[in-house]
Amino acid sequence: MKSRTFSRAGEALFGPLWQTRFAHALGVNDRTIRRWATGEITIPTRVRTELVLLAERRRQAVDDAIRMLRMEE
């Protein structure tokens, strides 16, 4: 995974403080996240898998919220 893709996905999922939040979600040090984001070190393949799973869970939560909001119309 390219560092730019990693950073864009992290910010989309976790907002402006994505590095700290993503580190917590993965159980890694936030310094590691920053090093991946800058390309200083290679992002492990497993991180891509984790990122996809987190994105799918977030998408489901957003879809659920939209359904609930529409039901209240």
PDB file of N, CA and C in Angstrom:
ATOM      1  N   MET A   1       0.838  -1.164   0.000  1.00  0.00           N
ATOM      2  CA  MET A   1       0.000   0.000   0.000  1.00  0.00           C
ATOM      3  C   MET A   1       0.890   1.236   0.000  1.00  0.00           C
ATOM      4  N   LYS A   2       0.500   2.194  -0.805  1.00  0.00           N
ATOM      5  CA  LYS A   2       1.256   3.448  -0.853  1.00  0.00           C
ATOM      6  C   LYS A   2       0.915   4.307   0.356  1.00  0.00           C
ATOM      7  N   SER A   3       1.885   5.084   0.797  1.00  0.00           N
ATOM      8  CA  SER A   3       1.667   5.917   1.981  1.00  0.00           C
ATOM      9  C   SER A   3       0.561   6.942   1.756  1.00  0.00           C
ATOM     10  N   ARG A   4       0.433   7.456   0.541  1.00  0.00           N
ATOM     11  CA  ARG A   4      -0.631   8.425   0.264  1.00  0.00           C
ATOM     12  C   ARG A   4      -2.019   7.782   0.405  1.00  0.00           C
ATOM     13  N   THR A   5      -2.169   6.574  -0.113  1.00  0.00           N
ATOM     14  CA  THR A   5      -3.432   5.847   0.023  1.00  0.00           C
ATOM     15  C   THR A   5      -3.734   5.597   1.492  1.00  0.00           C
ATOM     16  N   PHE A   6      -2.728   5.171   2.210  1.00  0.00           N
ATOM     17  CA  PHE A   6      -2.858   4.907   3.645  1.00  0.00           C
ATOM     18  C   PHE A   6      -3.325   6.159   4.386  1.00  0.00           C
ATOM     19  N   SER A   7      -2.697   7.285   4.103  1.00  0.00           N
ATOM     20  CA  SER A   7      -3.042   8.536   4.783  1.00  0.00           C
ATOM     21  C   SER A   7      -4.451   9.000   4.439  1.00  0.00           C
ATOM     22  N   ARG A   8      -4.811   8.927   3.169  1.00  0.00           N
ATOM     23  CA  ARG A   8      -6.151   9.363   2.757  1.00  0.00           C
ATOM     24  C   ARG A   8      -7.224   8.488   3.388  1.00  0.00           C
ATOM     25  N   ALA A   9      -6.993   7.195   3.416  1.00  0.00           N
ATOM     26  CA  ALA A   9      -7.962   6.289   4.020  1.00  0.00           C
ATOM     27  C   ALA A   9      -8.056   6.524   5.527  1.00  0.00           C
ATOM     28  N   GLY A  10      -6.923   6.716   6.174  1.00  0.00           N
ATOM     29  CA  GLY A  10      -6.931   6.971   7.616  1.00  0.00           C
ATOM     30  C   GLY A  10      -7.691   8.230   7.962  1.00  0.00           C
ATOM     31  N   GLU A  11      -7.475   9.290   7.200  1.00  0.00           N
ATOM     32  CA  GLU A  11      -8.186  10.537   7.471  1.00  0.00           C
ATOM     33  C   GLU A  11      -9.675  10.409   7.175  1.00  0.00           C
ATOM     34  N   ALA A  12     -10.027   9.686   6.126  1.00  0.00           N
ATOM     35  CA  ALA A  12     -11.442   9.480   5.804  1.00  0.00           C
ATOM     36  C   ALA A  12     -12.163   8.725   6.915  1.00  0.00           C
ATOM     37  N   LEU A  13     -11.478   7.776   7.515  1.00  0.00           N
ATOM     38  CA  LEU A  13     -12.091   6.962   8.573  1.00  0.00           C
ATOM     39  C   LEU A  13     -12.100   7.637   9.939  1.00  0.00           C
ATOM     40  N   PHE A  14     -11.023   8.344  10.267  1.00  0.00           N
ATOM     41  CA  PHE A  14     -10.856   8.829  11.625  1.00  0.00           C
ATOM     42  C   PHE A  14     -10.817  10.348  11.776  1.00  0.00           C
ATOM     43  N   GLY A  15     -10.911  11.079  10.682  1.00  0.00           N
ATOM     44  CA  GLY A  15     -10.910  12.532  10.769  1.00  0.00           C
ATOM     45  C   GLY A  15      -9.521  13.112  10.951  1.00  0.00           C
ATOM     46  N   PRO A  16      -9.458  14.392  11.337  1.00  0.00           N
ATOM     47  CA  PRO A  16      -8.190  15.107  11.396  1.00  0.00           C
ATOM     48  C   PRO A  16      -7.169  14.503  12.369  1.00  0.00           C
ATOM     49  N   LEU A  17      -7.609  13.825  13.387  1.00  0.00           N
ATOM     50  CA  LEU A  17      -6.695  13.197  14.348  1.00  0.00           C
ATOM     51  C   LEU A  17      -6.522  11.713  14.032  1.00  0.00           C
ATOM     52  N   TRP A  18      -6.536  11.397  12.753  1.00  0.00           N
ATOM     53  CA  TRP A  18      -6.584  10.011  12.320  1.00  0.00           C
ATOM     54  C   TRP A  18      -5.398   9.179  12.769  1.00  0.00           C
ATOM     55  N   GLN A  19      -4.221   9.756  12.868  1.00  0.00           N
ATOM     56  CA  GLN A  19      -3.043   8.946  13.191  1.00  0.00           C
ATOM     57  C   GLN A  19      -3.141   8.332  14.579  1.00  0.00           C
ATOM     58  N   THR A  20      -3.513   9.127  15.550  1.00  0.00           N
ATOM     59  CA  THR A  20      -3.650   8.609  16.913  1.00  0.00           C
ATOM     60  C   THR A  20      -4.796   7.613  17.012  1.00  0.00           C
ATOM     61  N   ARG A  21      -5.903   7.942  16.392  1.00  0.00           N
ATOM     62  CA  ARG A  21      -7.074   7.048  16.448  1.00  0.00           C
ATOM     63  C   ARG A  21      -6.810   5.731  15.714  1.00  0.00           C
ATOM     64  N   PHE A  22      -6.142   5.823  14.580  1.00  0.00           N
ATOM     65  CA  PHE A  22      -5.838   4.616  13.817  1.00  0.00           C
ATOM     66  C   PHE A  22      -4.831   3.758  14.573  1.00  0.00           C
ATOM     67  N   ALA A  23      -3.855   4.386  15.204  1.00  0.00           N
ATOM     68  CA  ALA A  23      -2.881   3.644  16.012  1.00  0.00           C
ATOM     69  C   ALA A  23      -3.591   2.869  17.117  1.00  0.00           C
ATOM     70  N   HIS A  24      -4.523   3.523  17.762  1.00  0.00           N
ATOM     71  CA  HIS A  24      -5.286   2.865  18.830  1.00  0.00           C
ATOM     72  C   HIS A  24      -6.069   1.676  18.264  1.00  0.00           C
ATOM     73  N   ALA A  25      -6.730   1.879  17.119  1.00  0.00           N
ATOM     74  CA  ALA A  25      -7.530   0.809  16.507  1.00  0.00           C
ATOM     75  C   ALA A  25      -6.674  -0.398  16.125  1.00  0.00           C
ATOM     76  N   LEU A  26      -5.440  -0.145  15.711  1.00  0.00           N
ATOM     77  CA  LEU A  26      -4.543  -1.235  15.304  1.00  0.00           C
ATOM     78  C   LEU A  26      -3.699  -1.782  16.444  1.00  0.00           C
ATOM     79  N   GLY A  27      -3.676  -1.047  17.551  1.00  0.00           N
ATOM     80  CA  GLY A  27      -2.858  -1.483  18.668  1.00  0.00           C
ATOM     81  C   GLY A  27      -1.372  -1.261  18.436  1.00  0.00           C
ATOM     82  N   VAL A  28      -1.048  -0.181  17.705  1.00  0.00           N
ATOM     83  CA  VAL A  28       0.358   0.153  17.461  1.00  0.00           C
ATOM     84  C   VAL A  28       0.630   1.566  17.975  1.00  0.00           C
ATOM     85  N   ASN A  29       1.896   1.900  18.068  1.00  0.00           N
ATOM     86  CA  ASN A  29       2.308   3.224  18.506  1.00  0.00           C
ATOM     87  C   ASN A  29       1.974   4.245  17.426  1.00  0.00           C
ATOM     88  N   ASP A  30       1.544   5.448  17.822  1.00  0.00           N
ATOM     89  CA  ASP A  30       1.212   6.457  16.811  1.00  0.00           C
ATOM     90  C   ASP A  30       2.437   6.889  16.008  1.00  0.00           C
ATOM     91  N   ARG A  31       3.601   6.726  16.564  1.00  0.00           N
ATOM     92  CA  ARG A  31       4.838   7.015  15.814  1.00  0.00           C
ATOM     93  C   ARG A  31       4.963   6.060  14.626  1.00  0.00           C
ATOM     94  N   THR A  32       4.562   4.821  14.816  1.00  0.00           N
ATOM     95  CA  THR A  32       4.582   3.847  13.724  1.00  0.00           C
ATOM     96  C   THR A  32       3.647   4.291  12.606  1.00  0.00           C
ATOM     97  N   ILE A  33       2.479   4.768  12.969  1.00  0.00           N
ATOM     98  CA  ILE A  33       1.519   5.267  11.972  1.00  0.00           C
ATOM     99  C   ILE A  33       2.138   6.420  11.188  1.00  0.00           C
ATOM    100  N   ARG A  34       2.768   7.345  11.886  1.00  0.00           N
ATOM    101  CA  ARG A  34       3.403   8.484  11.207  1.00  0.00           C
ATOM    102  C   ARG A  34       4.514   8.027  10.260  1.00  0.00           C
ATOM    103  N   ARG A  35       5.270   7.032  10.674  1.00  0.00           N
ATOM    104  CA  ARG A  35       6.348   6.522   9.826  1.00  0.00           C
ATOM    105  C   ARG A  35       5.791   5.833   8.587  1.00  0.00           C
ATOM    106  N   TRP A  36       4.680   5.115   8.733  1.00  0.00           N
ATOM    107  CA  TRP A  36       4.021   4.523   7.570  1.00  0.00           C
ATOM    108  C   TRP A  36       3.490   5.619   6.652  1.00  0.00           C
ATOM    109  N   ALA A  37       2.894   6.650   7.242  1.00  0.00           N
ATOM    110  CA  ALA A  37       2.274   7.729   6.466  1.00  0.00           C
ATOM    111  C   ALA A  37       3.300   8.516   5.651  1.00  0.00           C
ATOM    112  N   THR A  38       4.495   8.643   6.170  1.00  0.00           N
ATOM    113  CA  THR A  38       5.533   9.392   5.446  1.00  0.00           C
ATOM    114  C   THR A  38       6.339   8.504   4.499  1.00  0.00           C
ATOM    115  N   GLY A  39       6.126   7.206   4.567  1.00  0.00           N
ATOM    116  CA  GLY A  39       6.889   6.284   3.735  1.00  0.00           C
ATOM    117  C   GLY A  39       8.244   5.939   4.309  1.00  0.00           C
ATOM    118  N   GLU A  40       8.481   6.371   5.548  1.00  0.00           N
ATOM    119  CA  GLU A  40       9.767   6.080   6.198  1.00  0.00           C
ATOM    120  C   GLU A  40       9.989   4.578   6.348  1.00  0.00           C
ATOM    121  N   ILE A  41       8.910   3.865   6.639  1.00  0.00           N
ATOM    122  CA  ILE A  41       8.969   2.400   6.720  1.00  0.00           C
ATOM    123  C   ILE A  41       7.802   1.816   5.922  1.00  0.00           C
ATOM    124  N   THR A  42       7.991   0.604   5.461  1.00  0.00           N
ATOM    125  CA  THR A  42       6.983  -0.081   4.650  1.00  0.00           C
ATOM    126  C   THR A  42       5.766  -0.447   5.490  1.00  0.00           C
ATOM    127  N   ILE A  43       4.605  -0.236   4.909  1.00  0.00           N
ATOM    128  CA  ILE A  43       3.354  -0.591   5.581  1.00  0.00           C
ATOM    129  C   ILE A  43       3.132  -2.092   5.395  1.00  0.00           C
ATOM    130  N   PRO A  44       2.999  -2.842   6.497  1.00  0.00           N
ATOM    131  CA  PRO A  44       2.788  -4.283   6.377  1.00  0.00           C
ATOM    132  C   PRO A  44       1.477  -4.608   5.644  1.00  0.00           C
ATOM    133  N   THR A  45       1.463  -5.704   4.937  1.00  0.00           N
ATOM    134  CA  THR A  45       0.286  -6.134   4.184  1.00  0.00           C
ATOM    135  C   THR A  45      -0.933  -6.268   5.085  1.00  0.00           C
ATOM    136  N   ARG A  46      -0.743  -6.737   6.287  1.00  0.00           N
ATOM    137  CA  ARG A  46      -1.873  -6.931   7.202  1.00  0.00           C
ATOM    138  C   ARG A  46      -2.598  -5.628   7.506  1.00  0.00           C
ATOM    139  N   VAL A  47      -1.900  -4.518   7.426  1.00  0.00           N
ATOM    140  CA  VAL A  47      -2.505  -3.220   7.725  1.00  0.00           C
ATOM    141  C   VAL A  47      -3.568  -2.882   6.682  1.00  0.00           C
ATOM    142  N   ARG A  48      -3.302  -3.209   5.428  1.00  0.00           N
ATOM    143  CA  ARG A  48      -4.295  -2.988   4.386  1.00  0.00           C
ATOM    144  C   ARG A  48      -5.557  -3.778   4.695  1.00  0.00           C
ATOM    145  N   THR A  49      -5.395  -5.028   5.100  1.00  0.00           N
ATOM    146  CA  THR A  49      -6.531  -5.873   5.448  1.00  0.00           C
ATOM    147  C   THR A  49      -7.319  -5.262   6.607  1.00  0.00           C
ATOM    148  N   GLU A  50      -6.612  -4.806   7.629  1.00  0.00           N
ATOM    149  CA  GLU A  50      -7.259  -4.175   8.782  1.00  0.00           C
ATOM    150  C   GLU A  50      -7.981  -2.898   8.372  1.00  0.00           C
ATOM    151  N   LEU A  51      -7.370  -2.128   7.498  1.00  0.00           N
ATOM    152  CA  LEU A  51      -7.975  -0.881   7.039  1.00  0.00           C
ATOM    153  C   LEU A  51      -9.266  -1.152   6.275  1.00  0.00           C
ATOM    154  N   VAL A  52      -9.264  -2.173   5.446  1.00  0.00           N
ATOM    155  CA  VAL A  52     -10.484  -2.543   4.714  1.00  0.00           C
ATOM    156  C   VAL A  52     -11.574  -2.953   5.698  1.00  0.00           C
ATOM    157  N   LEU A  53     -11.235  -3.748   6.690  1.00  0.00           N
ATOM    158  CA  LEU A  53     -12.233  -4.175   7.684  1.00  0.00           C
ATOM    159  C   LEU A  53     -12.790  -2.992   8.467  1.00  0.00           C
ATOM    160  N   LEU A  54     -11.921  -2.083   8.868  1.00  0.00           N
ATOM    161  CA  LEU A  54     -12.379  -0.891   9.584  1.00  0.00           C
ATOM    162  C   LEU A  54     -13.296  -0.040   8.712  1.00  0.00           C
ATOM    163  N   ALA A  55     -12.947   0.099   7.437  1.00  0.00           N
ATOM    164  CA  ALA A  55     -13.767   0.887   6.513  1.00  0.00           C
ATOM    165  C   ALA A  55     -15.132   0.239   6.309  1.00  0.00           C
ATOM    166  N   GLU A  56     -15.146  -1.077   6.196  1.00  0.00           N
ATOM    167  CA  GLU A  56     -16.429  -1.771   6.023  1.00  0.00           C
ATOM    168  C   GLU A  56     -17.312  -1.612   7.253  1.00  0.00           C
ATOM    169  N   ARG A  57     -16.727  -1.700   8.433  1.00  0.00           N
ATOM    170  CA  ARG A  57     -17.504  -1.493   9.670  1.00  0.00           C
ATOM    171  C   ARG A  57     -18.028  -0.068   9.750  1.00  0.00           C
ATOM    172  N   ARG A  58     -17.202   0.892   9.389  1.00  0.00           N
ATOM    173  CA  ARG A  58     -17.624   2.290   9.426  1.00  0.00           C
ATOM    174  C   ARG A  58     -18.749   2.536   8.430  1.00  0.00           C
ATOM    175  N   ARG A  59     -18.608   1.957   7.242  1.00  0.00           N
ATOM    176  CA  ARG A  59     -19.653   2.101   6.219  1.00  0.00           C
ATOM    177  C   ARG A  59     -20.975   1.538   6.729  1.00  0.00           C
ATOM    178  N   GLN A  60     -20.933   0.400   7.381  1.00  0.00           N
ATOM    179  CA  GLN A  60     -22.156  -0.202   7.928  1.00  0.00           C
ATOM    180  C   GLN A  60     -22.775   0.704   8.979  1.00  0.00           C
ATOM    181  N   ALA A  61     -21.949   1.275   9.839  1.00  0.00           N
ATOM    182  CA  ALA A  61     -22.461   2.177  10.878  1.00  0.00           C
ATOM    183  C   ALA A  61     -23.107   3.420  10.258  1.00  0.00           C
ATOM    184  N   VAL A  62     -22.485   3.963   9.215  1.00  0.00           N
ATOM    185  CA  VAL A  62     -23.051   5.138   8.539  1.00  0.00           C
ATOM    186  C   VAL A  62     -24.353   4.763   7.839  1.00  0.00           C
ATOM    187  N   ASP A  63     -24.373   3.623   7.163  1.00  0.00           N
ATOM    188  CA  ASP A  63     -25.605   3.171   6.510  1.00  0.00           C
ATOM    189  C   ASP A  63     -26.732   2.993   7.523  1.00  0.00           C
ATOM    190  N   ASP A  64     -26.422   2.429   8.678  1.00  0.00           N
ATOM    191  CA  ASP A  64     -27.430   2.258   9.733  1.00  0.00           C
ATOM    192  C   ASP A  64     -27.955   3.603  10.216  1.00  0.00           C
ATOM    193  N   ALA A  65     -27.062   4.556  10.394  1.00  0.00           N
ATOM    194  CA  ALA A  65     -27.473   5.889  10.844  1.00  0.00           C
ATOM    195  C   ALA A  65     -28.382   6.556   9.812  1.00  0.00           C
ATOM    196  N   ILE A  66     -28.053   6.416   8.538  1.00  0.00           N
ATOM    197  CA  ILE A  66     -28.887   6.984   7.481  1.00  0.00           C
ATOM    198  C   ILE A  66     -30.267   6.354   7.494  1.00  0.00           C
ATOM    199  N   ARG A  67     -30.346   5.047   7.647  1.00  0.00           N
ATOM    200  CA  ARG A  67     -31.650   4.361   7.710  1.00  0.00           C
ATOM    201  C   ARG A  67     -32.483   4.881   8.878  1.00  0.00           C
ATOM    202  N   MET A  68     -31.852   5.037  10.027  1.00  0.00           N
ATOM    203  CA  MET A  68     -32.579   5.528  11.203  1.00  0.00           C
ATOM    204  C   MET A  68     -33.089   6.950  10.975  1.00  0.00           C
ATOM    205  N   LEU A  69     -32.262   7.781  10.381  1.00  0.00           N
ATOM    206  CA  LEU A  69     -32.667   9.171  10.115  1.00  0.00           C
ATOM    207  C   LEU A  69     -33.831   9.221   9.128  1.00  0.00           C
ATOM    208  N   ARG A  70     -33.807   8.371   8.128  1.00  0.00           N
ATOM    209  CA  ARG A  70     -34.902   8.336   7.144  1.00  0.00           C
ATOM    210  C   ARG A  70     -36.194   7.835   7.761  1.00  0.00           C
ATOM    211  N   MET A  71     -36.090   6.945   8.716  1.00  0.00           N
ATOM    212  CA  MET A  71     -37.293   6.415   9.379  1.00  0.00           C
ATOM    213  C   MET A  71     -38.007   7.486  10.180  1.00  0.00           C
ATOM    214  N   GLU A  72     -37.283   8.492  10.623  1.00  0.00           N
ATOM    215  CA  GLU A  72     -37.857   9.555  11.431  1.00  0.00           C
ATOM    216  C   GLU A  72     -38.505  10.648  10.587  1.00  0.00           C
ATOM    217  N   GLU A  73     -38.412  10.562   9.281  1.00  0.00           N
ATOM    218  CA  GLU A  73     -38.980  11.614   8.416  1.00  0.00           C
ATOM    219  C   GLU A  73     -40.489  11.612   8.482  1.00  0.00           C
TER     220      GLU A  73
END
